[in-house]
């Protein structure tokens, strides 16, 4: 837990709730476009894929009893600020679960920020020198204290990337590694994300 002004109200003026974010993605898909600076066909297709994945997860999501019990009993108000973009595959896999967790928690508010429109804020929360997303920053309701940080993906999925980076040549194509991560997400069904966020909350509030 770090005591300083993590965000200001001005920083969050253009944030979106989950419903607004899903509507934005729908409009981007309808308009054959993408959020962020890259408007290539590749990123437009990534946005379509993320939209469909989020729709599938929203329809089938199931939280664990442990995290539901903890969130419902949580008395401390907080805000979960998440950096994202519509084309991000990891965001598409994880943000629906974060939204479901917030829905189960009377005292948590979810605020989504588009990374490329808030790059100076994003640069405070880099992963190994990069602006990897999604990145969750949990802060107190008054924005004065940072509680914990999570992201850009669950530890096991992140380790798949790390193992690929340090593997001897010839390494598999990066597209194959991303397929492996997507298969892992489908099998895991958000369990690791829920466990990791639960542990971060417990640790941050016990200090």
C-alpha atoms as a PDB file:
ATOM      1  CA  UNK A   1       0.000   0.000   0.000  1.00  0.00           C
ATOM      2  CA  UNK A   2       1.491   3.327  -1.081  1.00  0.00           C
ATOM      3  CA  UNK A   3       0.280   6.622   0.367  1.00  0.00           C
ATOM      4  CA  UNK A   4       0.196   9.353  -2.262  1.00  0.00           C
ATOM      5  CA  UNK A   5      -2.272  10.874  -4.695  1.00  0.00           C
ATOM      6  CA  UNK A   6      -2.576   7.990  -7.137  1.00  0.00           C
ATOM      7  CA  UNK A   7      -5.112   9.653  -9.421  1.00  0.00           C
ATOM      8  CA  UNK A   8      -7.097  12.864  -9.549  1.00  0.00           C
ATOM      9  CA  UNK A   9     -10.717  13.336 -10.525  1.00  0.00           C
ATOM     10  CA  UNK A  10      -9.450  14.996 -13.710  1.00  0.00           C
ATOM     11  CA  UNK A  11      -7.484  11.851 -14.595  1.00  0.00           C
ATOM     12  CA  UNK A  12     -10.704   9.853 -14.493  1.00  0.00           C
ATOM     13  CA  UNK A  13     -12.941  12.359 -16.286  1.00  0.00           C
ATOM     14  CA  UNK A  14     -12.994  10.258 -19.475  1.00  0.00           C
ATOM     15  CA  UNK A  15     -13.210   6.856 -17.806  1.00  0.00           C
ATOM     16  CA  UNK A  16     -15.874   4.348 -18.806  1.00  0.00           C
ATOM     17  CA  UNK A  17     -17.912   1.890 -16.815  1.00  0.00           C
ATOM     18  CA  UNK A  18     -18.228  -1.644 -18.162  1.00  0.00           C
ATOM     19  CA  UNK A  19     -21.519  -1.050 -19.962  1.00  0.00           C
ATOM     20  CA  UNK A  20     -20.083   2.034 -21.678  1.00  0.00           C
ATOM     21  CA  UNK A  21     -16.922   0.141 -22.615  1.00  0.00           C
ATOM     22  CA  UNK A  22     -18.896  -2.719 -24.148  1.00  0.00           C
ATOM     23  CA  UNK A  23     -21.009  -0.211 -26.086  1.00  0.00           C
ATOM     24  CA  UNK A  24     -17.821   1.468 -27.358  1.00  0.00           C
ATOM     25  CA  UNK A  25     -16.508  -1.897 -28.541  1.00  0.00           C
ATOM     26  CA  UNK A  26     -19.800  -2.663 -30.288  1.00  0.00           C
ATOM     27  CA  UNK A  27     -19.641   0.657 -32.159  1.00  0.00           C
ATOM     28  CA  UNK A  28     -16.014   0.034 -33.121  1.00  0.00           C
ATOM     29  CA  UNK A  29     -16.922  -3.382 -34.513  1.00  0.00           C
ATOM     30  CA  UNK A  30     -19.887  -1.916 -36.402  1.00  0.00           C
ATOM     31  CA  UNK A  31     -17.663   0.819 -37.850  1.00  0.00           C
ATOM     32  CA  UNK A  32     -14.812  -1.535 -38.780  1.00  0.00           C
ATOM     33  CA  UNK A  33     -12.372   0.285 -36.527  1.00  0.00           C
ATOM     34  CA  UNK A  34     -10.382  -0.095 -33.323  1.00  0.00           C
ATOM     35  CA  UNK A  35      -9.548   1.971 -30.284  1.00  0.00           C
ATOM     36  CA  UNK A  36      -6.039   3.324 -29.950  1.00  0.00           C
ATOM     37  CA  UNK A  37      -3.550   4.611 -32.463  1.00  0.00           C
ATOM     38  CA  UNK A  38      -3.260   1.504 -34.649  1.00  0.00           C
ATOM     39  CA  UNK A  39      -6.118   1.302 -37.164  1.00  0.00           C
ATOM     40  CA  UNK A  40      -4.693  -1.542 -39.241  1.00  0.00           C
ATOM     41  CA  UNK A  41      -6.837  -4.425 -40.470  1.00  0.00           C
ATOM     42  CA  UNK A  42      -5.014  -6.611 -37.957  1.00  0.00           C
ATOM     43  CA  UNK A  43      -6.067  -4.507 -34.978  1.00  0.00           C
ATOM     44  CA  UNK A  44      -9.603  -4.115 -36.298  1.00  0.00           C
ATOM     45  CA  UNK A  45      -9.819  -7.905 -36.431  1.00  0.00           C
ATOM     46  CA  UNK A  46      -8.387  -8.151 -32.905  1.00  0.00           C
ATOM     47  CA  UNK A  47     -11.194  -5.864 -31.717  1.00  0.00           C
ATOM     48  CA  UNK A  48     -13.788  -8.158 -33.303  1.00  0.00           C
ATOM     49  CA  UNK A  49     -12.216 -11.192 -31.642  1.00  0.00           C
ATOM     50  CA  UNK A  50     -12.107  -9.485 -28.240  1.00  0.00           C
ATOM     51  CA  UNK A  51     -15.739  -8.392 -28.591  1.00  0.00           C
ATOM     52  CA  UNK A  52     -16.898 -11.945 -29.303  1.00  0.00           C
ATOM     53  CA  UNK A  53     -14.778 -13.395 -26.497  1.00  0.00           C
ATOM     54  CA  UNK A  54     -16.180 -10.911 -24.003  1.00  0.00           C
ATOM     55  CA  UNK A  55     -19.730 -11.698 -25.128  1.00  0.00           C
ATOM     56  CA  UNK A  56     -19.084 -15.421 -24.646  1.00  0.00           C
ATOM     57  CA  UNK A  57     -17.550 -14.920 -21.201  1.00  0.00           C
ATOM     58  CA  UNK A  58     -20.316 -12.543 -20.080  1.00  0.00           C
ATOM     59  CA  UNK A  59     -22.885 -15.231 -20.908  1.00  0.00           C
ATOM     60  CA  UNK A  60     -21.117 -18.018 -19.012  1.00  0.00           C
ATOM     61  CA  UNK A  61     -19.164 -16.336 -16.214  1.00  0.00           C
ATOM     62  CA  UNK A  62     -19.075 -17.962 -12.798  1.00  0.00           C
ATOM     63  CA  UNK A  63     -17.208 -16.554  -9.810  1.00  0.00           C
ATOM     64  CA  UNK A  64     -15.827 -18.753  -7.067  1.00  0.00           C
ATOM     65  CA  UNK A  65     -17.638 -18.881  -3.732  1.00  0.00           C
ATOM     66  CA  UNK A  66     -14.495 -17.623  -1.980  1.00  0.00           C
ATOM     67  CA  UNK A  67     -14.287 -14.381  -3.889  1.00  0.00           C
ATOM     68  CA  UNK A  68     -18.040 -13.785  -3.814  1.00  0.00           C
ATOM     69  CA  UNK A  69     -18.070 -14.131  -0.022  1.00  0.00           C
ATOM     70  CA  UNK A  70     -15.055 -11.825   0.352  1.00  0.00           C
ATOM     71  CA  UNK A  71     -16.369  -9.139  -2.001  1.00  0.00           C
ATOM     72  CA  UNK A  72     -19.844  -9.086  -0.503  1.00  0.00           C
ATOM     73  CA  UNK A  73     -18.379  -8.649   2.983  1.00  0.00           C
ATOM     74  CA  UNK A  74     -15.822  -6.030   1.932  1.00  0.00           C
ATOM     75  CA  UNK A  75     -16.552  -2.826   3.831  1.00  0.00           C
ATOM     76  CA  UNK A  76     -13.765  -0.600   2.504  1.00  0.00           C
ATOM     77  CA  UNK A  77     -14.856   1.453  -0.542  1.00  0.00           C
ATOM     78  CA  UNK A  78     -12.370   1.430  -3.405  1.00  0.00           C
ATOM     79  CA  UNK A  79     -12.062   2.090  -7.106  1.00  0.00           C
ATOM     80  CA  UNK A  80     -10.603  -0.361  -9.621  1.00  0.00           C
ATOM     81  CA  UNK A  81      -9.001   1.582 -12.460  1.00  0.00           C
ATOM     82  CA  UNK A  82      -8.168  -0.545 -15.501  1.00  0.00           C
ATOM     83  CA  UNK A  83      -6.076   0.488 -18.505  1.00  0.00           C
ATOM     84  CA  UNK A  84      -7.234  -1.248 -21.674  1.00  0.00           C
ATOM     85  CA  UNK A  85      -7.818  -1.064 -25.439  1.00  0.00           C
ATOM     86  CA  UNK A  86     -10.478  -2.756 -27.544  1.00  0.00           C
ATOM     87  CA  UNK A  87      -7.974  -4.855 -29.521  1.00  0.00           C
ATOM     88  CA  UNK A  88      -6.231  -6.375 -26.505  1.00  0.00           C
ATOM     89  CA  UNK A  89      -6.796 -10.122 -26.292  1.00  0.00           C
ATOM     90  CA  UNK A  90      -5.832 -10.313 -22.614  1.00  0.00           C
ATOM     91  CA  UNK A  91      -8.245  -7.489 -21.812  1.00  0.00           C
ATOM     92  CA  UNK A  92     -10.988  -9.364 -23.612  1.00  0.00           C
ATOM     93  CA  UNK A  93     -10.315 -12.426 -21.482  1.00  0.00           C
ATOM     94  CA  UNK A  94      -9.945 -10.723 -18.095  1.00  0.00           C
ATOM     95  CA  UNK A  95     -12.080  -7.581 -17.942  1.00  0.00           C
ATOM     96  CA  UNK A  96     -15.419  -9.468 -17.950  1.00  0.00           C
ATOM     97  CA  UNK A  97     -14.302 -11.264 -14.783  1.00  0.00           C
ATOM     98  CA  UNK A  98     -13.156  -8.017 -13.171  1.00  0.00           C
ATOM     99  CA  UNK A  99     -16.544  -6.508 -13.980  1.00  0.00           C
ATOM    100  CA  UNK A 100     -18.342  -9.508 -12.489  1.00  0.00           C
ATOM    101  CA  UNK A 101     -16.253  -9.196  -9.322  1.00  0.00           C
ATOM    102  CA  UNK A 102     -17.199  -5.529  -9.024  1.00  0.00           C
ATOM    103  CA  UNK A 103     -20.861  -6.408  -9.536  1.00  0.00           C
ATOM    104  CA  UNK A 104     -20.558  -8.745  -6.542  1.00  0.00           C
ATOM    105  CA  UNK A 105     -18.952  -6.033  -4.395  1.00  0.00           C
ATOM    106  CA  UNK A 106     -21.220  -3.247  -3.085  1.00  0.00           C
ATOM    107  CA  UNK A 107     -18.216  -1.026  -2.292  1.00  0.00           C
ATOM    108  CA  UNK A 108     -16.093  -1.272  -5.459  1.00  0.00           C
ATOM    109  CA  UNK A 109     -16.411   0.887  -8.587  1.00  0.00           C
ATOM    110  CA  UNK A 110     -14.852  -0.131 -11.927  1.00  0.00           C
ATOM    111  CA  UNK A 111     -13.395   2.620 -14.133  1.00  0.00           C
ATOM    112  CA  UNK A 112     -11.858   1.795 -17.527  1.00  0.00           C
ATOM    113  CA  UNK A 113      -9.284   4.046 -19.190  1.00  0.00           C
ATOM    114  CA  UNK A 114      -8.114   3.723 -22.783  1.00  0.00           C
ATOM    115  CA  UNK A 115      -4.344   3.387 -22.624  1.00  0.00           C
ATOM    116  CA  UNK A 116      -3.369   5.450 -25.660  1.00  0.00           C
ATOM    117  CA  UNK A 117      -5.518   8.369 -24.507  1.00  0.00           C
ATOM    118  CA  UNK A 118      -3.907   8.240 -21.047  1.00  0.00           C
ATOM    119  CA  UNK A 119      -0.343   7.299 -21.846  1.00  0.00           C
ATOM    120  CA  UNK A 120       1.271   9.450 -19.132  1.00  0.00           C
ATOM    121  CA  UNK A 121      -0.823   7.683 -16.490  1.00  0.00           C
ATOM    122  CA  UNK A 122      -0.122   4.293 -18.063  1.00  0.00           C
ATOM    123  CA  UNK A 123       3.615   4.874 -17.931  1.00  0.00           C
ATOM    124  CA  UNK A 124       3.451   4.851 -14.120  1.00  0.00           C
ATOM    125  CA  UNK A 125       2.359   1.221 -14.273  1.00  0.00           C
ATOM    126  CA  UNK A 126       4.605  -0.375 -16.851  1.00  0.00           C
ATOM    127  CA  UNK A 127       5.494  -4.064 -16.945  1.00  0.00           C
ATOM    128  CA  UNK A 128       9.184  -4.669 -17.634  1.00  0.00           C
ATOM    129  CA  UNK A 129       9.425  -1.251 -19.292  1.00  0.00           C
ATOM    130  CA  UNK A 130       6.379  -1.707 -21.525  1.00  0.00           C
ATOM    131  CA  UNK A 131       2.817  -0.372 -21.434  1.00  0.00           C
ATOM    132  CA  UNK A 132       1.258  -3.831 -21.260  1.00  0.00           C
ATOM    133  CA  UNK A 133      -2.497  -4.077 -20.736  1.00  0.00           C
ATOM    134  CA  UNK A 134      -4.840  -4.733 -19.109  1.00  0.00           C
ATOM    135  CA  UNK A 135      -3.457  -3.215 -15.924  1.00  0.00           C
ATOM    136  CA  UNK A 136      -5.631  -2.947 -12.827  1.00  0.00           C
ATOM    137  CA  UNK A 137      -4.773  -0.305 -10.234  1.00  0.00           C
ATOM    138  CA  UNK A 138      -6.912  -0.470  -7.087  1.00  0.00           C
ATOM    139  CA  UNK A 139      -7.103   2.735  -5.061  1.00  0.00           C
ATOM    140  CA  UNK A 140      -9.048   4.053  -2.113  1.00  0.00           C
ATOM    141  CA  UNK A 141     -12.311   5.832  -2.831  1.00  0.00           C
ATOM    142  CA  UNK A 142     -10.678   9.252  -2.335  1.00  0.00           C
ATOM    143  CA  UNK A 143      -7.908   8.315  -4.850  1.00  0.00           C
ATOM    144  CA  UNK A 144      -5.273   9.137  -2.233  1.00  0.00           C
ATOM    145  CA  UNK A 145      -3.836   5.659  -1.660  1.00  0.00           C
ATOM    146  CA  UNK A 146      -2.821   2.918  -4.056  1.00  0.00           C
ATOM    147  CA  UNK A 147      -3.888  -0.464  -2.670  1.00  0.00           C
ATOM    148  CA  UNK A 148      -2.606  -3.001  -5.183  1.00  0.00           C
ATOM    149  CA  UNK A 149      -1.755  -3.545  -8.854  1.00  0.00           C
ATOM    150  CA  UNK A 150      -2.587  -6.521 -11.067  1.00  0.00           C
ATOM    151  CA  UNK A 151      -1.796  -7.338 -14.680  1.00  0.00           C
ATOM    152  CA  UNK A 152      -1.369  -7.611 -17.547  1.00  0.00           C
ATOM    153  CA  UNK A 153      -2.366 -11.289 -17.298  1.00  0.00           C
ATOM    154  CA  UNK A 154      -2.521 -14.092 -14.719  1.00  0.00           C
ATOM    155  CA  UNK A 155       0.854 -15.428 -13.576  1.00  0.00           C
ATOM    156  CA  UNK A 156       0.574 -18.709 -15.472  1.00  0.00           C
ATOM    157  CA  UNK A 157      -0.286 -16.963 -18.734  1.00  0.00           C
ATOM    158  CA  UNK A 158       2.526 -14.454 -18.145  1.00  0.00           C
ATOM    159  CA  UNK A 159       4.959 -17.317 -17.587  1.00  0.00           C
ATOM    160  CA  UNK A 160       4.071 -18.746 -21.001  1.00  0.00           C
ATOM    161  CA  UNK A 161       5.296 -15.472 -22.525  1.00  0.00           C
ATOM    162  CA  UNK A 162       8.411 -15.363 -20.318  1.00  0.00           C
ATOM    163  CA  UNK A 163       9.312 -18.980 -21.163  1.00  0.00           C
ATOM    164  CA  UNK A 164       8.938 -18.191 -24.851  1.00  0.00           C
ATOM    165  CA  UNK A 165      11.204 -15.145 -24.598  1.00  0.00           C
ATOM    166  CA  UNK A 166      14.030 -17.070 -22.916  1.00  0.00           C
ATOM    167  CA  UNK A 167      13.670 -20.236 -24.992  1.00  0.00           C
ATOM    168  CA  UNK A 168      16.565 -21.274 -27.203  1.00  0.00           C
ATOM    169  CA  UNK A 169      16.288 -20.775 -30.938  1.00  0.00           C
ATOM    170  CA  UNK A 170      14.415 -21.776 -32.961  1.00  0.00           C
ATOM    171  CA  UNK A 171      11.483 -20.540 -30.898  1.00  0.00           C
ATOM    172  CA  UNK A 172       7.859 -21.139 -31.851  1.00  0.00           C
ATOM    173  CA  UNK A 173       6.148 -18.350 -33.758  1.00  0.00           C
ATOM    174  CA  UNK A 174       4.629 -15.721 -31.466  1.00  0.00           C
ATOM    175  CA  UNK A 175       1.204 -16.449 -32.934  1.00  0.00           C
ATOM    176  CA  UNK A 176       1.500 -20.036 -31.678  1.00  0.00           C
ATOM    177  CA  UNK A 177       2.301 -18.804 -28.169  1.00  0.00           C
ATOM    178  CA  UNK A 178      -0.761 -16.572 -28.184  1.00  0.00           C
ATOM    179  CA  UNK A 179      -2.852 -19.564 -29.237  1.00  0.00           C
ATOM    180  CA  UNK A 180      -1.462 -21.467 -26.242  1.00  0.00           C
ATOM    181  CA  UNK A 181      -2.441 -18.585 -23.950  1.00  0.00           C
ATOM    182  CA  UNK A 182      -5.962 -18.444 -25.376  1.00  0.00           C
ATOM    183  CA  UNK A 183      -6.362 -22.195 -24.838  1.00  0.00           C
ATOM    184  CA  UNK A 184      -5.140 -21.737 -21.265  1.00  0.00           C
ATOM    185  CA  UNK A 185      -7.696 -18.976 -20.679  1.00  0.00           C
ATOM    186  CA  UNK A 186     -10.504 -21.137 -22.008  1.00  0.00           C
ATOM    187  CA  UNK A 187      -9.569 -24.013 -19.706  1.00  0.00           C
ATOM    188  CA  UNK A 188      -8.930 -21.831 -16.652  1.00  0.00           C
ATOM    189  CA  UNK A 189     -12.242 -19.918 -16.839  1.00  0.00           C
ATOM    190  CA  UNK A 190     -11.000 -16.979 -14.769  1.00  0.00           C
ATOM    191  CA  UNK A 191     -10.074 -19.049 -11.704  1.00  0.00           C
ATOM    192  CA  UNK A 192      -6.446 -17.861 -11.541  1.00  0.00           C
ATOM    193  CA  UNK A 193      -7.436 -14.223 -12.012  1.00  0.00           C
ATOM    194  CA  UNK A 194      -9.938 -14.435  -9.167  1.00  0.00           C
ATOM    195  CA  UNK A 195      -7.433 -16.118  -6.848  1.00  0.00           C
ATOM    196  CA  UNK A 196      -4.697 -13.596  -7.619  1.00  0.00           C
ATOM    197  CA  UNK A 197      -6.936 -10.563  -7.114  1.00  0.00           C
ATOM    198  CA  UNK A 198      -8.357 -12.044  -3.906  1.00  0.00           C
ATOM    199  CA  UNK A 199      -4.843 -12.540  -2.497  1.00  0.00           C
ATOM    200  CA  UNK A 200      -3.844  -9.003  -3.474  1.00  0.00           C
ATOM    201  CA  UNK A 201      -6.896  -7.555  -1.735  1.00  0.00           C
ATOM    202  CA  UNK A 202      -6.313  -9.625   1.397  1.00  0.00           C
ATOM    203  CA  UNK A 203      -2.635  -8.662   1.551  1.00  0.00           C
ATOM    204  CA  UNK A 204      -3.182  -4.964   0.882  1.00  0.00           C
ATOM    205  CA  UNK A 205      -5.912  -4.601   3.493  1.00  0.00           C
ATOM    206  CA  UNK A 206      -4.004  -6.514   6.161  1.00  0.00           C
ATOM    207  CA  UNK A 207      -1.100  -4.028   6.179  1.00  0.00           C
END
